[in-house]
Amino acid sequence: MIIPVILAGGSGTRLWPLSRELYPKQLLPLTGEQTMLQQTVARAGAVATVGASIVVCIDDHRFMVAEQLRAIGEKATVLIEPVGRDTAPAVAVAALEAMAAGDDPLLLVLPADHVIADPGAFAAAVQAGAPLATTGHFITFGIVPCRPETGYGYIQKGDQLGEGDPAPGFRVSRFVEKPDAATAALYVAEGYLWNSGMFLLRASRFLAELAQFEPEMAACARAAHEARQQDLDFIRLGKADFVRCPAKSLDYAVMERTRSAAVIPLACGWSDVGSWAALWEIGDRDADGNILQGNVLARDVSDCYVHADERLVAVIGLHDQIVVETSDAVLVAHKDKAQEVKTIVQQLKAEKRSEAVLHRRVYRPWGAYECIDCGERFQVKRIEVKPGASFSLQRHYHRAEHWVVVKGAAEVTNGERTFLVSENESTYIPVGAMHRLRNPGNIPLEIVEVQSGSYLGEDDIERFDDVYGHEQTSN
């Protein structure tokens, strides 16, 4: 049995402003109708003898992950990391969870934000690697390069493993870090492979090697898993123990130190979509080499990526440029500078600006809200509540709220009263009043909320019935 382990905890800062800390690239439909997470789960599920996936994510993403899995009919186990600790601890707790029922499966470890154009070639490589992984080898999938690339690590093949022509796999001679351009060209000429960060390994063997090379990490991961608690449809790992885990990648923790590392060459149209330039490279370009998405007008434009989310974007006389527009930010950059987008995100975080973390539209387990306008002592939001969903019972100490129903019907709890508010009707929630909003209908509820008060921060909230088990986040 092969159990996919989907690592869905990244933030994708190089794809800002579409990818944000609380809505990262793996949860976005960047290369098709499905999100990258959904594509990864579906791709893993197409491999023969595969069981239900284990998805590892952070707390802030859990409801979006669950909703996206539900939308494709995937009944996965979702492990919640209290904090990010890189890939080795994440795979360790997933291995422990996979073995919890007494089995010792192979783990197919996949980042949730990769693109594979040929899933058939991927499935064939996994099947070729399964016998080697069953006998104790730690398989990594090495991408056959299509060009010299300075943004990836490389793998040098060693002796052949297994029978057949071509060989199903090779021993890993060595892993090498991201090279300069001249060294990358030399590596490609000598038959090196790109390091994809995808693995196939037996759960017990991985845990044993991790305990040998990283005993503190192995002990902390085991303790965090033993302290796990069920929370709705999620499994929360023990926070105190997981926080103590050293942060290290699976490559550094095990693969570069074990004697059992093996590599299977894979040519499948792979990309880790690490930048806007990478997304342009793998996308469907028009006759002028452009990818134009949304409401875009282009004149004398070539080899550009232009994305319009909300407004009309007009571009004239551009070549090799990236233009990305969202409701609250616009990025303009040369494709050669695509990797430097992360420095903008770092600056936004240093200045504590919300554009690094949130979109104007913010998703919650009950629905979503979008800030329409704000100023001194007031804020206006458009709120959507899913059928049957509700806020937690709560109150605010510094703001009052006016709710106007524009679609559907709202069940409102305001102090001691619970009553219905229909379309084109409104109600007022005073400062300090305990309140709740619920959608009792079968269609989405839409309201306009006007907040007024001396402080309008999202942390001005006290919950009395927290149905979602979250910490200090809105509603």
Foldseek 3Di string as FASTA:
>chain_A
DEEEEEEEADQLLLPPPVTFNLCHQLLDPLADPAGLLLVVLVLQVVAPPYDAYEYEYAPSCVLSVVVSCVVVPGLHAYEHAPDAQAALLSLLLVLCVVCVVPDWHKYWYYYSQKDFQASVLVSVLVVLCVVLQVVFFKEFEFELDPAQDQPFKKWDFDAADDDDVVGSWGFTPAIGHRDPRVVSRVCNVVGITTGDLIIIHISVSSLVQLCVQPVLQSVLSVQQSVPWDDAPSHIYTNHVSSVSHHRDYPCVRGQRPDRRYMYGYTHGLMDSCSWVLRSLVSHDADPQSEDEEDQEAEECEHNEYAYADDDYHYDYNYYQWYWYDDPPDIDIDHVVCSNVSSVVLVVCVVVPHCSNHDGQWAADSQGIKGWDDDDQFKTKIKDKGAAFGKAFFKAFAWKKKKKAWQDAKKFKDWAPDTDIAGHRGMDIHDHPTTMMIGHNDHGITIIMMMMGGNDDDQQRMDGDGHSRPDDSGHD
